[in-house]
Amino acid sequence: MLSCTPNATCPFMSPNGDIVTNADLHSYPNNSFQLSVVATDKYNKNPTPYTVIVEITDINTVPKLTNVPKIDV
């Protein structure tokens, strides 16, 4: 499950588990988004949401994720 703030102008969606954009971000009015991501599987039926902040600083630069938690498997 994915929810986004600001909700009215959020260009992100998660149709199959991947977080993707549905808009051209070159001229998008917002450059910062707060995503609330909830991942479930057969072992974790009631997980807590994790907040991912997406800040677009240069549209031509390779994306860099800096606030992703490390998980021991």
Protein backbone atom coordinates (compact mmCIF):
# COMPACT_ATOMS: atom_id res chain seq x y z
CA MET A 1 0.00 0.00 0.00
CA LEU A 2 1.21 3.50 -0.81
CA SER A 3 -0.08 6.90 0.22
CA CYS A 4 1.51 10.22 -0.64
CA THR A 5 1.64 13.81 0.60
CA PRO A 6 0.74 16.19 -1.01
CA ASN A 7 -2.03 13.84 -2.03
CA ALA A 8 -3.71 16.03 -4.67
CA THR A 9 -0.54 16.39 -6.75
CA CYS A 10 1.27 13.13 -6.03
CA PRO A 11 2.85 11.62 -9.17
CA PHE A 12 3.71 8.28 -7.52
CA MET A 13 1.77 5.02 -7.49
CA SER A 14 2.39 1.38 -6.72
CA PRO A 15 0.35 -0.83 -9.06
CA ASN A 16 2.41 -4.00 -8.49
CA GLY A 17 4.64 -3.35 -5.48
CA ASP A 18 7.15 -1.12 -7.27
CA ILE A 19 6.97 2.62 -6.64
CA VAL A 20 6.73 4.39 -9.99
CA THR A 21 5.76 7.81 -11.27
CA ASN A 22 2.85 8.54 -13.57
CA ALA A 23 3.98 12.05 -14.59
CA ASP A 24 6.82 13.85 -16.32
CA LEU A 25 8.79 15.29 -13.40
CA HIS A 26 10.73 17.84 -15.51
CA SER A 27 8.14 20.55 -14.92
CA TYR A 28 6.33 19.17 -11.91
CA PRO A 29 5.18 21.85 -9.44
CA ASN A 30 6.37 20.01 -6.30
CA ASN A 31 9.90 18.81 -5.64
CA SER A 32 9.32 17.02 -2.33
CA PHE A 33 6.95 14.20 -1.46
CA GLN A 34 6.32 12.13 1.64
CA LEU A 35 5.38 8.54 0.86
CA SER A 36 3.91 6.20 3.43
CA VAL A 37 4.74 2.64 2.44
CA VAL A 38 3.26 -0.49 3.99
CA ALA A 39 4.59 -3.88 2.91
CA THR A 40 2.79 -7.07 3.86
CA ASP A 41 3.49 -10.73 3.32
CA LYS A 42 2.25 -14.00 4.76
CA TYR A 43 4.44 -13.56 7.86
CA ASN A 44 3.79 -9.91 8.66
CA LYS A 45 0.05 -9.25 8.41
CA ASN A 46 -0.05 -5.99 10.40
CA PRO A 47 3.12 -4.02 9.60
CA THR A 48 3.62 -0.41 10.54
CA PRO A 49 3.96 2.18 7.77
CA TYR A 50 7.42 3.40 6.83
CA THR A 51 7.87 6.99 5.66
CA VAL A 52 10.00 7.59 2.59
CA ILE A 53 10.76 11.19 1.65
CA VAL A 54 11.38 11.82 -2.05
CA GLU A 55 13.15 15.06 -2.90
CA ILE A 56 13.75 15.85 -6.55
CA THR A 57 16.82 18.06 -6.80
CA ASP A 58 18.08 17.49 -10.34
CA ILE A 59 15.93 15.61 -12.83
CA ASN A 60 18.95 14.52 -14.91
CA THR A 61 20.85 12.91 -12.03
CA VAL A 62 20.65 9.21 -11.21
CA PRO A 63 18.27 8.70 -8.24
CA LYS A 64 19.89 8.21 -4.83
CA LEU A 65 18.00 6.70 -1.91
CA THR A 66 19.39 7.83 1.42
CA ASN A 67 16.72 7.13 4.04
CA VAL A 68 16.04 3.44 3.41
CA PRO A 69 16.28 1.23 6.50
CA LYS A 70 18.73 -1.64 6.62
CA ILE A 71 17.03 -4.94 7.28
CA ASP A 72 18.77 -8.06 8.56
CA VAL A 73 17.48 -11.12 6.77
